[in-house]
N, C-alpha and C. Protein backbone atom coordinates (compact mmCIF):
# COMPACT_ATOMS: atom_id res chain seq x y z
N MET A 1 40.38 33.67 -50.16
CA MET A 1 40.23 33.51 -48.72
C MET A 1 40.86 32.18 -48.33
N HIS A 2 41.99 32.24 -47.66
CA HIS A 2 42.73 31.02 -47.37
C HIS A 2 42.21 30.28 -46.15
N ASN A 3 41.50 30.96 -45.27
CA ASN A 3 41.01 30.32 -44.05
C ASN A 3 39.71 29.57 -44.32
N ARG A 4 39.61 28.36 -43.81
CA ARG A 4 38.42 27.53 -44.05
C ARG A 4 37.64 27.23 -42.77
N GLY A 5 37.84 28.01 -41.72
CA GLY A 5 37.08 27.81 -40.48
C GLY A 5 35.59 27.91 -40.71
N TRP A 6 35.18 28.80 -41.63
CA TRP A 6 33.76 28.96 -41.94
C TRP A 6 33.19 27.68 -42.53
N LEU A 7 34.02 26.95 -43.28
CA LEU A 7 33.58 25.71 -43.91
C LEU A 7 33.30 24.63 -42.87
N LEU A 8 34.13 24.57 -41.83
CA LEU A 8 33.88 23.64 -40.73
C LEU A 8 32.58 23.98 -40.01
N ALA A 9 32.33 25.28 -39.80
CA ALA A 9 31.08 25.71 -39.17
C ALA A 9 29.88 25.35 -40.05
N LEU A 10 30.01 25.55 -41.35
CA LEU A 10 28.93 25.21 -42.28
C LEU A 10 28.64 23.72 -42.23
N ALA A 11 29.68 22.89 -42.29
CA ALA A 11 29.50 21.44 -42.25
C ALA A 11 28.89 21.00 -40.92
N THR A 12 29.35 21.59 -39.83
CA THR A 12 28.81 21.26 -38.51
C THR A 12 27.33 21.60 -38.44
N GLY A 13 26.99 22.82 -38.87
CA GLY A 13 25.60 23.26 -38.83
C GLY A 13 24.70 22.40 -39.70
N LEU A 14 25.14 22.11 -40.92
CA LEU A 14 24.33 21.26 -41.80
C LEU A 14 24.19 19.85 -41.23
N GLY A 15 25.26 19.35 -40.62
CA GLY A 15 25.19 18.03 -39.99
C GLY A 15 24.15 17.97 -38.89
N ILE A 16 24.11 19.00 -38.05
CA ILE A 16 23.13 19.05 -36.96
C ILE A 16 21.72 19.14 -37.53
N VAL A 17 21.52 19.98 -38.54
CA VAL A 17 20.20 20.12 -39.15
C VAL A 17 19.75 18.80 -39.77
N VAL A 18 20.65 18.13 -40.45
CA VAL A 18 20.30 16.83 -41.06
C VAL A 18 19.90 15.83 -39.98
N LEU A 19 20.69 15.74 -38.92
CA LEU A 19 20.35 14.80 -37.83
C LEU A 19 19.00 15.13 -37.21
N ALA A 20 18.71 16.41 -37.01
CA ALA A 20 17.43 16.81 -36.41
C ALA A 20 16.26 16.52 -37.34
N THR A 21 16.53 16.51 -38.64
CA THR A 21 15.47 16.30 -39.64
C THR A 21 15.26 14.82 -39.98
N LEU A 22 16.19 13.96 -39.64
CA LEU A 22 16.16 12.55 -40.05
C LEU A 22 15.01 11.68 -39.52
N PRO A 23 14.46 11.90 -38.33
CA PRO A 23 13.50 10.93 -37.79
C PRO A 23 12.41 10.45 -38.74
N PRO A 24 11.79 11.30 -39.58
CA PRO A 24 10.77 10.77 -40.48
C PRO A 24 11.31 9.87 -41.60
N PHE A 25 12.62 9.84 -41.77
CA PHE A 25 13.21 9.15 -42.91
C PHE A 25 13.99 7.90 -42.54
N VAL A 26 13.99 7.55 -41.26
CA VAL A 26 14.76 6.38 -40.81
C VAL A 26 13.84 5.41 -40.08
N GLY A 27 14.35 4.23 -39.82
CA GLY A 27 13.59 3.22 -39.10
C GLY A 27 13.38 3.58 -37.64
N GLU A 28 12.56 2.78 -37.00
CA GLU A 28 12.17 3.05 -35.61
C GLU A 28 13.36 3.09 -34.65
N THR A 29 14.31 2.18 -34.80
CA THR A 29 15.46 2.14 -33.89
C THR A 29 16.30 3.41 -34.03
N ALA A 30 16.63 3.77 -35.26
CA ALA A 30 17.42 4.99 -35.49
C ALA A 30 16.65 6.22 -35.02
N ARG A 31 15.34 6.24 -35.26
CA ARG A 31 14.50 7.36 -34.83
C ARG A 31 14.56 7.50 -33.31
N THR A 32 14.48 6.39 -32.61
CA THR A 32 14.54 6.43 -31.15
C THR A 32 15.87 7.00 -30.67
N TYR A 33 16.97 6.57 -31.27
CA TYR A 33 18.29 7.10 -30.88
C TYR A 33 18.40 8.60 -31.16
N LEU A 34 17.90 9.03 -32.31
CA LEU A 34 17.96 10.45 -32.63
C LEU A 34 17.13 11.28 -31.65
N MET A 35 15.94 10.81 -31.37
CA MET A 35 15.07 11.54 -30.44
C MET A 35 15.72 11.61 -29.05
N GLN A 36 16.30 10.51 -28.62
CA GLN A 36 16.96 10.50 -27.31
C GLN A 36 18.17 11.43 -27.29
N ALA A 37 18.91 11.48 -28.36
CA ALA A 37 20.09 12.36 -28.40
C ALA A 37 19.67 13.83 -28.30
N PHE A 38 18.63 14.21 -29.00
CA PHE A 38 18.21 15.61 -28.99
C PHE A 38 17.36 15.97 -27.77
N GLU A 39 16.80 14.99 -27.07
CA GLU A 39 15.99 15.33 -25.91
C GLU A 39 16.83 15.92 -24.77
N MET A 40 18.16 15.76 -24.87
CA MET A 40 19.04 16.36 -23.87
C MET A 40 19.07 17.89 -23.98
N VAL A 41 18.72 18.42 -25.15
CA VAL A 41 18.79 19.86 -25.36
C VAL A 41 17.46 20.48 -25.79
N CYS A 42 16.42 19.68 -25.95
CA CYS A 42 15.14 20.19 -26.46
C CYS A 42 13.98 19.46 -25.78
N HIS A 43 12.91 20.20 -25.49
CA HIS A 43 11.74 19.58 -24.85
C HIS A 43 10.97 18.66 -25.79
N GLN A 44 11.05 18.86 -27.08
CA GLN A 44 10.42 18.02 -28.10
C GLN A 44 8.91 17.85 -27.92
N LEU A 45 8.23 18.88 -27.44
CA LEU A 45 6.77 18.78 -27.30
C LEU A 45 6.16 18.62 -28.70
N PRO A 46 5.35 17.60 -28.90
CA PRO A 46 4.81 17.34 -30.24
C PRO A 46 4.06 18.53 -30.86
N GLY A 47 3.29 19.26 -30.06
CA GLY A 47 2.54 20.40 -30.59
C GLY A 47 3.41 21.61 -30.92
N ARG A 48 4.65 21.57 -30.51
CA ARG A 48 5.57 22.68 -30.76
C ARG A 48 6.77 22.24 -31.59
N SER A 49 6.61 21.14 -32.29
CA SER A 49 7.70 20.59 -33.09
C SER A 49 7.25 20.38 -34.54
N PRO A 50 8.17 20.56 -35.48
CA PRO A 50 7.83 20.30 -36.88
C PRO A 50 7.62 18.79 -37.12
N HIS A 51 6.77 18.49 -38.08
CA HIS A 51 6.49 17.11 -38.47
C HIS A 51 6.60 17.01 -39.99
N ILE A 52 7.03 15.86 -40.46
CA ILE A 52 7.01 15.56 -41.89
C ILE A 52 6.24 14.26 -42.05
N ASP A 53 5.21 14.28 -42.86
CA ASP A 53 4.34 13.12 -43.05
C ASP A 53 3.88 12.54 -41.72
N GLY A 54 3.56 13.42 -40.77
CA GLY A 54 3.04 13.00 -39.48
C GLY A 54 4.10 12.52 -38.49
N VAL A 55 5.36 12.53 -38.86
CA VAL A 55 6.44 12.08 -37.96
C VAL A 55 7.21 13.31 -37.48
N GLN A 56 7.34 13.40 -36.17
CA GLN A 56 7.98 14.53 -35.53
C GLN A 56 9.49 14.55 -35.79
N LEU A 57 10.02 15.76 -36.02
CA LEU A 57 11.47 15.92 -36.10
C LEU A 57 12.04 15.83 -34.68
N ALA A 58 13.35 15.79 -34.56
CA ALA A 58 13.99 15.55 -33.27
C ALA A 58 14.04 16.78 -32.37
N VAL A 59 13.61 17.93 -32.88
CA VAL A 59 13.65 19.17 -32.09
C VAL A 59 12.37 19.97 -32.29
N CYS A 60 12.17 20.95 -31.41
CA CYS A 60 11.02 21.84 -31.52
C CYS A 60 11.28 22.91 -32.58
N HIS A 61 10.25 23.70 -32.87
CA HIS A 61 10.38 24.76 -33.87
C HIS A 61 11.52 25.72 -33.54
N ARG A 62 11.58 26.18 -32.30
CA ARG A 62 12.59 27.17 -31.93
C ARG A 62 14.01 26.61 -32.07
N CYS A 63 14.22 25.39 -31.59
CA CYS A 63 15.54 24.76 -31.73
C CYS A 63 15.89 24.55 -33.20
N TYR A 64 14.90 24.20 -34.00
CA TYR A 64 15.15 24.00 -35.43
C TYR A 64 15.64 25.30 -36.06
N GLY A 65 15.02 26.41 -35.69
CA GLY A 65 15.48 27.71 -36.17
C GLY A 65 16.90 28.01 -35.71
N ILE A 66 17.18 27.72 -34.45
CA ILE A 66 18.53 27.96 -33.92
C ILE A 66 19.55 27.14 -34.71
N TYR A 67 19.25 25.87 -34.94
CA TYR A 67 20.20 25.00 -35.64
C TYR A 67 20.39 25.44 -37.09
N TRP A 68 19.34 25.93 -37.74
CA TRP A 68 19.50 26.43 -39.11
C TRP A 68 20.34 27.70 -39.12
N GLY A 69 20.39 28.40 -37.99
CA GLY A 69 21.19 29.63 -37.91
C GLY A 69 22.67 29.40 -38.13
N LEU A 70 23.19 28.26 -37.72
CA LEU A 70 24.63 28.03 -37.86
C LEU A 70 25.08 27.94 -39.32
N PRO A 71 24.47 27.11 -40.16
CA PRO A 71 24.92 27.12 -41.55
C PRO A 71 24.66 28.46 -42.24
N LEU A 72 23.57 29.12 -41.88
CA LEU A 72 23.31 30.43 -42.48
C LEU A 72 24.35 31.45 -42.03
N ALA A 73 24.77 31.38 -40.78
CA ALA A 73 25.81 32.28 -40.27
C ALA A 73 27.13 32.05 -41.00
N SER A 74 27.41 30.81 -41.33
CA SER A 74 28.64 30.50 -42.06
C SER A 74 28.64 31.18 -43.42
N LEU A 75 27.50 31.19 -44.07
CA LEU A 75 27.40 31.85 -45.37
C LEU A 75 27.41 33.37 -45.20
N LEU A 76 26.78 33.86 -44.15
CA LEU A 76 26.81 35.29 -43.86
C LEU A 76 28.23 35.77 -43.60
N TYR A 77 29.01 34.94 -42.93
CA TYR A 77 30.42 35.27 -42.67
C TYR A 77 31.15 35.59 -43.97
N LEU A 78 30.89 34.80 -44.99
CA LEU A 78 31.54 35.04 -46.29
C LEU A 78 31.13 36.41 -46.85
N GLY A 79 29.85 36.75 -46.67
CA GLY A 79 29.37 38.04 -47.15
C GLY A 79 29.94 39.22 -46.36
N LEU A 80 30.31 38.98 -45.13
CA LEU A 80 30.87 40.06 -44.30
C LEU A 80 32.33 40.34 -44.64
N LYS A 81 32.95 39.45 -45.41
CA LYS A 81 34.33 39.61 -45.88
C LYS A 81 35.31 39.91 -44.73
N GLY A 82 35.19 39.13 -43.67
CA GLY A 82 36.14 39.25 -42.57
C GLY A 82 35.80 40.30 -41.53
N ARG A 83 34.77 41.13 -41.78
CA ARG A 83 34.39 42.12 -40.77
C ARG A 83 33.80 41.41 -39.57
N ARG A 84 33.98 42.00 -38.40
CA ARG A 84 33.42 41.42 -37.19
C ARG A 84 33.11 42.50 -36.18
N LEU A 85 32.37 42.10 -35.17
CA LEU A 85 32.00 43.03 -34.10
C LEU A 85 33.16 43.27 -33.16
N ASP A 86 33.17 44.43 -32.59
CA ASP A 86 34.11 44.73 -31.51
C ASP A 86 33.79 43.78 -30.36
N ARG A 87 34.79 43.14 -29.81
CA ARG A 87 34.59 42.16 -28.74
C ARG A 87 33.89 42.74 -27.52
N ARG A 88 34.01 44.04 -27.31
CA ARG A 88 33.37 44.66 -26.15
C ARG A 88 31.85 44.71 -26.27
N VAL A 89 31.32 44.76 -27.51
CA VAL A 89 29.87 44.80 -27.68
C VAL A 89 29.28 43.43 -27.98
N ALA A 90 30.13 42.44 -28.18
CA ALA A 90 29.65 41.10 -28.53
C ALA A 90 28.64 40.55 -27.52
N PRO A 91 28.91 40.63 -26.19
CA PRO A 91 27.91 40.11 -25.25
C PRO A 91 26.56 40.83 -25.35
N LEU A 92 26.59 42.12 -25.60
CA LEU A 92 25.35 42.88 -25.74
C LEU A 92 24.58 42.42 -26.98
N VAL A 93 25.27 42.25 -28.09
CA VAL A 93 24.62 41.81 -29.32
C VAL A 93 24.03 40.41 -29.14
N LEU A 94 24.78 39.52 -28.51
CA LEU A 94 24.26 38.17 -28.27
C LEU A 94 23.04 38.23 -27.35
N GLY A 95 23.12 39.04 -26.31
CA GLY A 95 21.98 39.20 -25.41
C GLY A 95 20.76 39.77 -26.11
N LEU A 96 20.96 40.77 -26.96
CA LEU A 96 19.84 41.36 -27.70
C LEU A 96 19.20 40.37 -28.66
N SER A 97 20.01 39.44 -29.18
CA SER A 97 19.45 38.44 -30.09
C SER A 97 18.54 37.45 -29.37
N LEU A 98 18.66 37.39 -28.05
CA LEU A 98 17.77 36.54 -27.25
C LEU A 98 16.43 37.22 -26.97
N LEU A 99 16.41 38.54 -27.06
CA LEU A 99 15.21 39.31 -26.71
C LEU A 99 13.96 38.91 -27.50
N PRO A 100 14.02 38.77 -28.83
CA PRO A 100 12.81 38.35 -29.55
C PRO A 100 12.26 36.99 -29.08
N MET A 101 13.16 36.06 -28.75
CA MET A 101 12.69 34.77 -28.23
C MET A 101 11.99 34.96 -26.89
N ALA A 102 12.57 35.80 -26.04
CA ALA A 102 11.98 36.05 -24.72
C ALA A 102 10.61 36.70 -24.84
N VAL A 103 10.48 37.66 -25.75
CA VAL A 103 9.19 38.32 -25.96
C VAL A 103 8.18 37.33 -26.53
N ASP A 104 8.59 36.53 -27.49
CA ASP A 104 7.70 35.53 -28.10
C ASP A 104 7.21 34.53 -27.07
N TRP A 105 8.12 34.06 -26.24
CA TRP A 105 7.76 33.10 -25.19
C TRP A 105 6.94 33.78 -24.09
N GLY A 106 7.44 34.92 -23.61
CA GLY A 106 6.79 35.61 -22.50
C GLY A 106 5.40 36.11 -22.83
N GLY A 107 5.23 36.63 -24.04
CA GLY A 107 3.90 37.10 -24.46
C GLY A 107 2.90 35.97 -24.50
N ASP A 108 3.35 34.81 -24.92
CA ASP A 108 2.48 33.63 -24.96
C ASP A 108 2.14 33.17 -23.55
N VAL A 109 3.14 33.08 -22.69
CA VAL A 109 2.92 32.65 -21.31
C VAL A 109 2.00 33.62 -20.57
N ALA A 110 2.16 34.92 -20.82
CA ALA A 110 1.35 35.94 -20.15
C ALA A 110 -0.05 36.07 -20.74
N GLY A 111 -0.30 35.38 -21.84
CA GLY A 111 -1.61 35.43 -22.46
C GLY A 111 -1.84 36.68 -23.30
N LEU A 112 -0.78 37.41 -23.62
CA LEU A 112 -0.91 38.62 -24.44
C LEU A 112 -1.15 38.28 -25.90
N PHE A 113 -0.58 37.19 -26.34
CA PHE A 113 -0.77 36.70 -27.69
C PHE A 113 -0.38 35.23 -27.70
N THR A 114 -0.69 34.55 -28.80
CA THR A 114 -0.30 33.16 -28.95
C THR A 114 0.82 33.10 -29.97
N ASN A 115 1.97 32.59 -29.54
CA ASN A 115 3.04 32.47 -30.53
C ASN A 115 2.71 31.33 -31.48
N THR A 116 3.42 31.30 -32.60
CA THR A 116 3.13 30.33 -33.64
C THR A 116 4.39 29.56 -33.99
N ALA A 117 4.23 28.53 -34.77
CA ALA A 117 5.40 27.79 -35.25
C ALA A 117 6.34 28.74 -35.99
N GLY A 118 5.77 29.62 -36.79
CA GLY A 118 6.59 30.58 -37.54
C GLY A 118 7.34 31.54 -36.63
N SER A 119 6.68 32.06 -35.60
CA SER A 119 7.36 33.00 -34.71
C SER A 119 8.45 32.29 -33.92
N ARG A 120 8.22 31.06 -33.57
CA ARG A 120 9.24 30.31 -32.82
C ARG A 120 10.45 30.00 -33.72
N ILE A 121 10.20 29.62 -34.96
CA ILE A 121 11.31 29.34 -35.88
C ILE A 121 12.10 30.62 -36.17
N VAL A 122 11.41 31.72 -36.45
CA VAL A 122 12.09 32.97 -36.81
C VAL A 122 12.90 33.52 -35.64
N THR A 123 12.34 33.51 -34.44
CA THR A 123 13.09 34.04 -33.29
C THR A 123 14.27 33.14 -32.96
N GLY A 124 14.11 31.83 -33.12
CA GLY A 124 15.23 30.91 -32.94
C GLY A 124 16.30 31.13 -33.99
N LEU A 125 15.87 31.35 -35.23
CA LEU A 125 16.80 31.58 -36.34
C LEU A 125 17.63 32.84 -36.11
N LEU A 126 16.98 33.90 -35.63
CA LEU A 126 17.70 35.14 -35.36
C LEU A 126 18.81 34.90 -34.34
N PHE A 127 18.48 34.25 -33.24
CA PHE A 127 19.50 33.94 -32.25
C PHE A 127 20.56 33.00 -32.82
N GLY A 128 20.12 32.00 -33.58
CA GLY A 128 21.06 31.04 -34.15
C GLY A 128 22.07 31.67 -35.10
N VAL A 129 21.63 32.64 -35.88
CA VAL A 129 22.55 33.31 -36.80
C VAL A 129 23.58 34.13 -36.02
N VAL A 130 23.11 34.87 -35.02
CA VAL A 130 24.04 35.69 -34.23
C VAL A 130 25.03 34.79 -33.48
N ALA A 131 24.52 33.78 -32.77
CA ALA A 131 25.41 32.87 -32.05
C ALA A 131 26.31 32.12 -33.04
N GLY A 132 25.76 31.77 -34.19
CA GLY A 132 26.53 31.08 -35.21
C GLY A 132 27.69 31.93 -35.73
N LEU A 133 27.47 33.23 -35.88
CA LEU A 133 28.56 34.10 -36.32
C LEU A 133 29.71 34.09 -35.31
N PHE A 134 29.37 34.12 -34.03
CA PHE A 134 30.43 34.06 -33.01
C PHE A 134 31.17 32.72 -33.08
N PHE A 135 30.43 31.65 -33.36
CA PHE A 135 31.05 30.34 -33.51
C PHE A 135 32.00 30.32 -34.72
N VAL A 136 31.53 30.86 -35.83
CA VAL A 136 32.36 30.91 -37.03
C VAL A 136 33.62 31.73 -36.76
N TRP A 137 33.45 32.91 -36.17
CA TRP A 137 34.61 33.75 -35.89
C TRP A 137 35.62 33.04 -34.99
N SER A 138 35.11 32.29 -34.00
CA SER A 138 36.04 31.58 -33.12
C SER A 138 36.77 30.45 -33.86
N LEU A 139 36.07 29.75 -34.76
CA LEU A 139 36.74 28.71 -35.56
C LEU A 139 37.79 29.32 -36.49
N VAL A 140 37.44 30.43 -37.10
CA VAL A 140 38.39 31.10 -37.99
C VAL A 140 39.61 31.54 -37.19
N ASP A 141 39.38 32.17 -36.04
CA ASP A 141 40.51 32.61 -35.20
C ASP A 141 41.36 31.42 -34.78
N SER A 142 40.72 30.33 -34.41
CA SER A 142 41.43 29.14 -33.96
C SER A 142 42.29 28.55 -35.09
N SER A 143 41.72 28.50 -36.28
CA SER A 143 42.49 27.94 -37.39
C SER A 143 43.63 28.87 -37.81
N LEU A 144 43.44 30.18 -37.64
CA LEU A 144 44.53 31.11 -37.93
C LEU A 144 45.65 30.95 -36.92
N GLU A 145 45.30 30.72 -35.65
CA GLU A 145 46.30 30.53 -34.60
C GLU A 145 47.13 29.29 -34.89
N LYS A 146 46.50 28.23 -35.37
CA LYS A 146 47.23 26.98 -35.66
C LYS A 146 48.20 27.17 -36.81
N GLY A 147 47.90 28.11 -37.71
CA GLY A 147 48.74 28.33 -38.85
C GLY A 147 49.94 29.22 -38.58
N ARG A 148 49.97 29.85 -37.40
CA ARG A 148 51.07 30.74 -37.06
C ARG A 148 52.23 29.95 -36.47
N PRO A 149 53.43 30.33 -36.79
CA PRO A 149 54.59 29.65 -36.18
C PRO A 149 54.66 29.98 -34.69
N ASP A 150 55.14 29.02 -33.91
CA ASP A 150 55.29 29.21 -32.47
C ASP A 150 56.44 30.18 -32.23
N ARG A 151 56.14 31.30 -31.59
CA ARG A 151 57.15 32.34 -31.38
C ARG A 151 58.07 32.03 -30.19
N ASP A 152 57.69 31.09 -29.35
CA ASP A 152 58.51 30.76 -28.17
C ASP A 152 59.61 29.76 -28.49
N SER A 153 59.62 29.23 -29.69
CA SER A 153 60.60 28.21 -30.04
C SER A 153 61.95 28.81 -30.33
């Protein structure tokens, strides 16, 4: 497999996961910067966020699942051996991957059930893997385009 777009997606995903996981392992100043960086995309509610040794990670359970989806999608891409979805159904598949998160959140808000850290991580992970696959495919396509000679020359 000559294309390495999946490798860039894997490195990107692992980098994001590492940054989100770092707060318990760094000093107060670095922790503050990490928390501030991730607060732009995550509510970071303490009761809905993972902790290590009592120190909160930079994202909530659901976001953590989403972020883990990208490196896992990169590995899944290798297992798919270049197969991909028809572009016409891609929006539907992406939309359907949001449905479990919506049910998990909506059922909790409606008082039908109480979601858990596990349900939030798993539903986030499902969406993250699907969205991650689209990201990997776009990186692979982009790197293939760069490798082609310019036909207008």
